[in-house]
């Protein structure tokens, strides 16, 4: 399998304050790895550090053998790392198919774009039924599918999914998590950043728990579910 992404002793933050303090983690190729943590734990800063939006002050991020230090975000995305942002963030006045095509903006081969579109619509039949619909008129669950589908259009090696359960009904959360599991079955590595511990540990292979900018627990999904401190913090 091998390691696709490694975060090594990273310190990162804003102004002079470090939000992340000595954070290290690895993502195995072909896995679903989760980052768990409550609001304010540093999850968003970690995503920004990986994407080069808040570059680490110390430590480094290595993706597919390449040190990302100093690399602009568009080149990191071009290297095969796609991010599905929190809150879905679709383009409301564009159609479903226009939103999806924007996910392949770095690809100039129209044949490859068409093949990616066909693959994404096969995963999301509901989107195929609505290709001409304006994204802003869709339900929250459909917009979540569209956001994930758009991220897959660039055929990423790693899909970073930020809070996919946010603002969705329990039924749609379950549906979204099923889709994430299926994406992994297609050979795409997934980094899942979430607060919904039950659903996340049900599909993840491995996970890390962030608290106040530090990794406080790490292990297989089963180990984290059975970890006393994790259970106390998240299961009550």
Protein backbone atom coordinates (compact mmCIF):
# COMPACT_ATOMS: atom_id res chain seq x y z
CA UNK A 1 0.00 0.00 0.00
CA UNK A 2 2.51 2.65 1.12
CA UNK A 3 2.11 6.08 2.64
CA UNK A 4 0.41 8.65 0.39
CA UNK A 5 0.44 11.64 2.77
CA UNK A 6 2.53 12.36 5.84
CA UNK A 7 2.30 15.34 8.17
CA UNK A 8 5.54 15.53 10.13
CA UNK A 9 5.86 17.52 13.39
CA UNK A 10 3.82 20.41 12.01
CA UNK A 11 3.33 23.71 13.83
CA UNK A 12 0.93 26.12 12.08
CA UNK A 13 -1.36 28.98 13.00
CA UNK A 14 -2.23 32.62 12.55
CA UNK A 15 -0.30 35.77 13.50
CA UNK A 16 2.10 34.59 16.23
CA UNK A 17 -0.14 31.90 17.75
CA UNK A 18 0.34 28.24 16.86
CA UNK A 19 -2.97 26.40 16.51
CA UNK A 20 -1.29 23.12 15.53
CA UNK A 21 1.49 22.00 17.85
CA UNK A 22 3.80 19.19 16.76
CA UNK A 23 1.12 17.34 14.76
CA UNK A 24 2.20 14.15 12.97
CA UNK A 25 0.06 11.68 11.04
CA UNK A 26 0.23 9.39 8.04
CA UNK A 27 -2.37 8.39 5.44
CA UNK A 28 -2.00 4.93 3.89
CA UNK A 29 -2.75 4.68 0.20
CA UNK A 30 -6.14 3.04 -0.41
CA UNK A 31 -7.48 3.74 3.10
CA UNK A 32 -10.11 5.90 4.74
CA UNK A 33 -8.35 7.82 7.50
CA UNK A 34 -10.34 10.11 9.78
CA UNK A 35 -9.46 13.18 11.81
CA UNK A 36 -11.84 13.55 14.75
CA UNK A 37 -12.15 16.58 16.97
CA UNK A 38 -14.62 19.08 18.32
CA UNK A 39 -14.89 22.71 17.22
CA UNK A 40 -11.65 24.56 17.96
CA UNK A 41 -9.53 21.40 18.00
CA UNK A 42 -7.43 22.49 14.99
CA UNK A 43 -9.08 20.43 12.24
CA UNK A 44 -9.59 23.40 9.88
CA UNK A 45 -6.02 24.63 10.40
CA UNK A 46 -4.74 21.13 9.64
CA UNK A 47 -6.66 21.11 6.34
CA UNK A 48 -5.30 24.56 5.50
CA UNK A 49 -1.75 23.44 6.31
CA UNK A 50 -2.05 20.38 4.03
CA UNK A 51 -3.44 22.53 1.18
CA UNK A 52 -0.77 25.22 1.59
CA UNK A 53 -3.31 27.88 2.61
CA UNK A 54 -1.74 28.23 6.08
CA UNK A 55 1.81 26.97 5.48
CA UNK A 56 3.48 25.21 8.42
CA UNK A 57 5.93 27.31 10.43
CA UNK A 58 7.81 24.15 11.39
CA UNK A 59 7.63 20.58 10.21
CA UNK A 60 6.58 19.45 6.76
CA UNK A 61 3.81 17.91 4.68
CA UNK A 62 4.80 15.25 2.13
CA UNK A 63 2.31 14.10 -0.51
CA UNK A 64 3.07 11.14 -2.78
CA UNK A 65 6.79 11.57 -2.12
CA UNK A 66 6.85 15.35 -2.73
CA UNK A 67 7.50 17.90 0.01
CA UNK A 68 4.73 20.50 -0.38
CA UNK A 69 6.69 23.32 1.31
CA UNK A 70 6.28 26.55 -0.64
CA UNK A 71 4.01 24.96 -3.23
CA UNK A 72 0.94 27.07 -4.14
CA UNK A 73 -2.47 25.52 -3.51
CA UNK A 74 -3.37 25.11 -7.20
CA UNK A 75 -0.22 23.03 -7.73
CA UNK A 76 -1.01 20.88 -4.69
CA UNK A 77 -4.47 20.24 -6.17
CA UNK A 78 -2.85 19.53 -9.55
CA UNK A 79 -0.61 16.93 -7.88
CA UNK A 80 -3.74 14.92 -7.03
CA UNK A 81 -5.16 16.25 -3.76
CA UNK A 82 -8.80 17.37 -3.96
CA UNK A 83 -10.74 19.00 -1.13
CA UNK A 84 -14.50 18.81 -0.57
CA UNK A 85 -15.09 21.92 1.56
CA UNK A 86 -17.27 22.14 4.63
CA UNK A 87 -20.76 23.40 3.82
CA UNK A 88 -20.64 22.01 0.25
CA UNK A 89 -19.94 25.36 -1.55
CA UNK A 90 -21.51 24.66 -4.95
CA UNK A 91 -21.88 27.38 -7.60
CA UNK A 92 -25.62 28.06 -7.22
CA UNK A 93 -26.24 29.76 -10.57
CA UNK A 94 -24.48 27.07 -12.60
CA UNK A 95 -26.05 23.77 -13.62
CA UNK A 96 -25.07 20.41 -12.18
CA UNK A 97 -22.97 19.52 -15.22
CA UNK A 98 -21.28 22.96 -15.24
CA UNK A 99 -20.36 22.55 -11.56
CA UNK A 100 -18.92 19.10 -12.27
CA UNK A 101 -16.87 20.31 -15.25
CA UNK A 102 -15.28 22.97 -13.04
CA UNK A 103 -13.79 20.14 -11.01
CA UNK A 104 -11.71 19.19 -14.05
CA UNK A 105 -10.46 22.73 -14.72
CA UNK A 106 -6.83 21.57 -14.85
CA UNK A 107 -7.56 18.92 -17.49
CA UNK A 108 -7.40 20.04 -21.15
CA UNK A 109 -8.23 16.68 -22.76
CA UNK A 110 -11.97 16.74 -23.55
CA UNK A 111 -12.02 12.94 -23.84
CA UNK A 112 -10.68 12.55 -20.29
CA UNK A 113 -13.19 15.12 -18.98
CA UNK A 114 -16.05 13.22 -20.65
CA UNK A 115 -14.81 9.92 -19.15
CA UNK A 116 -14.59 11.50 -15.67
CA UNK A 117 -18.08 12.94 -16.03
CA UNK A 118 -19.47 9.55 -17.03
CA UNK A 119 -17.79 7.89 -14.04
CA UNK A 120 -19.06 10.50 -11.55
CA UNK A 121 -22.63 10.35 -12.88
CA UNK A 122 -22.55 6.54 -12.58
CA UNK A 123 -21.72 6.94 -8.87
CA UNK A 124 -24.45 9.58 -8.41
CA UNK A 125 -27.51 8.58 -10.47
CA UNK A 126 -29.49 11.38 -8.82
CA UNK A 127 -27.12 13.93 -10.37
CA UNK A 128 -27.48 12.26 -13.77
CA UNK A 129 -31.23 12.88 -13.58
CA UNK A 130 -30.57 16.59 -12.87
CA UNK A 131 -27.64 17.56 -15.10
CA UNK A 132 -29.41 20.72 -16.36
CA UNK A 133 -30.75 21.80 -12.95
CA UNK A 134 -29.27 24.88 -11.28
CA UNK A 135 -27.22 23.79 -8.27
CA UNK A 136 -28.77 26.46 -6.03
CA UNK A 137 -32.24 24.89 -6.43
CA UNK A 138 -31.12 21.46 -5.18
CA UNK A 139 -31.60 19.99 -1.70
CA UNK A 140 -28.73 19.99 0.81
CA UNK A 141 -28.15 16.27 0.25
CA UNK A 142 -27.99 16.70 -3.52
CA UNK A 143 -25.59 19.62 -3.17
CA UNK A 144 -23.39 17.42 -0.95
CA UNK A 145 -23.30 14.77 -3.69
CA UNK A 146 -22.50 17.45 -6.28
CA UNK A 147 -19.65 18.80 -4.16
CA UNK A 148 -18.12 15.30 -3.79
CA UNK A 149 -18.67 14.57 -7.49
CA UNK A 150 -16.95 17.82 -8.47
CA UNK A 151 -13.95 16.88 -6.31
CA UNK A 152 -13.72 13.53 -8.09
CA UNK A 153 -13.70 15.07 -11.58
CA UNK A 154 -9.95 15.73 -11.35
CA UNK A 155 -9.34 12.01 -10.64
CA UNK A 156 -7.51 12.74 -7.38
CA UNK A 157 -5.21 10.35 -5.56
CA UNK A 158 -6.47 11.73 -2.23
CA UNK A 159 -9.91 13.15 -1.50
CA UNK A 160 -9.99 15.35 1.59
CA UNK A 161 -13.62 15.55 2.80
CA UNK A 162 -14.38 18.24 5.39
CA UNK A 163 -17.44 17.71 7.64
CA UNK A 164 -19.67 15.87 5.13
CA UNK A 165 -22.43 15.41 7.71
CA UNK A 166 -22.75 19.13 8.50
CA UNK A 167 -26.37 20.32 8.27
CA UNK A 168 -27.74 17.08 6.79
CA UNK A 169 -30.53 14.84 8.05
CA UNK A 170 -29.51 11.44 9.52
CA UNK A 171 -30.73 9.67 6.36
CA UNK A 172 -28.62 11.87 4.07
CA UNK A 173 -25.61 11.55 6.39
CA UNK A 174 -25.86 7.77 6.08
CA UNK A 175 -26.16 8.07 2.28
CA UNK A 176 -23.11 10.35 2.08
CA UNK A 177 -20.99 8.02 4.20
CA UNK A 178 -22.00 5.10 1.93
CA UNK A 179 -20.77 7.13 -1.04
CA UNK A 180 -17.43 7.81 0.70
CA UNK A 181 -16.99 4.09 1.31
CA UNK A 182 -17.71 3.42 -2.37
CA UNK A 183 -15.15 6.05 -3.44
CA UNK A 184 -12.50 4.15 -1.48
CA UNK A 185 -13.57 0.95 -3.28
CA UNK A 186 -12.78 2.76 -6.55
CA UNK A 187 -9.18 3.12 -5.37
CA UNK A 188 -9.27 6.72 -4.14
CA UNK A 189 -7.69 7.36 -0.73
CA UNK A 190 -9.92 9.39 1.59
CA UNK A 191 -9.05 11.73 4.46
CA UNK A 192 -12.28 12.36 6.35
CA UNK A 193 -12.42 15.29 8.78
CA UNK A 194 -15.50 14.97 10.98
CA UNK A 195 -17.29 15.50 14.29
CA UNK A 196 -19.78 12.65 13.70
CA UNK A 197 -17.83 9.95 15.49
CA UNK A 198 -20.29 7.03 15.19
CA UNK A 199 -20.69 7.21 11.39
CA UNK A 200 -17.01 8.02 10.80
CA UNK A 201 -15.56 5.13 12.80
CA UNK A 202 -18.04 2.79 11.09
CA UNK A 203 -16.35 3.37 7.70
CA UNK A 204 -12.79 4.45 8.58
CA UNK A 205 -9.74 2.17 8.70
CA UNK A 206 -7.60 4.38 10.89
CA UNK A 207 -8.02 7.64 12.77
CA UNK A 208 -6.52 10.45 14.80
CA UNK A 209 -8.15 12.57 17.49
CA UNK A 210 -7.18 16.25 17.68
CA UNK A 211 -7.67 18.34 20.80
CA UNK A 212 -6.35 21.87 21.30
CA UNK A 213 -4.05 21.52 18.30
CA UNK A 214 -2.41 18.25 19.32
CA UNK A 215 -2.94 14.59 18.42
CA UNK A 216 -4.23 13.04 21.65
CA UNK A 217 -5.15 9.57 20.32
CA UNK A 218 -4.45 7.47 17.24
CA UNK A 219 -5.24 3.94 16.15
CA UNK A 220 -7.49 1.74 14.08
CA UNK A 221 -11.16 2.68 13.98
CA UNK A 222 -11.92 -0.19 16.36
CA UNK A 223 -9.17 0.88 18.80
CA UNK A 224 -10.50 4.45 18.85
CA UNK A 225 -14.08 3.25 19.40
CA UNK A 226 -12.85 1.23 22.40
CA UNK A 227 -10.48 3.93 23.73
CA UNK A 228 -11.76 5.05 27.15
CA UNK A 229 -10.82 8.72 26.76
CA UNK A 230 -12.31 8.88 23.26
CA UNK A 231 -15.49 7.20 24.48
CA UNK A 232 -15.76 9.66 27.36
CA UNK A 233 -15.22 12.69 25.12
CA UNK A 234 -17.53 11.64 22.29
CA UNK A 235 -19.92 8.92 23.43
CA UNK A 236 -20.75 10.36 26.87
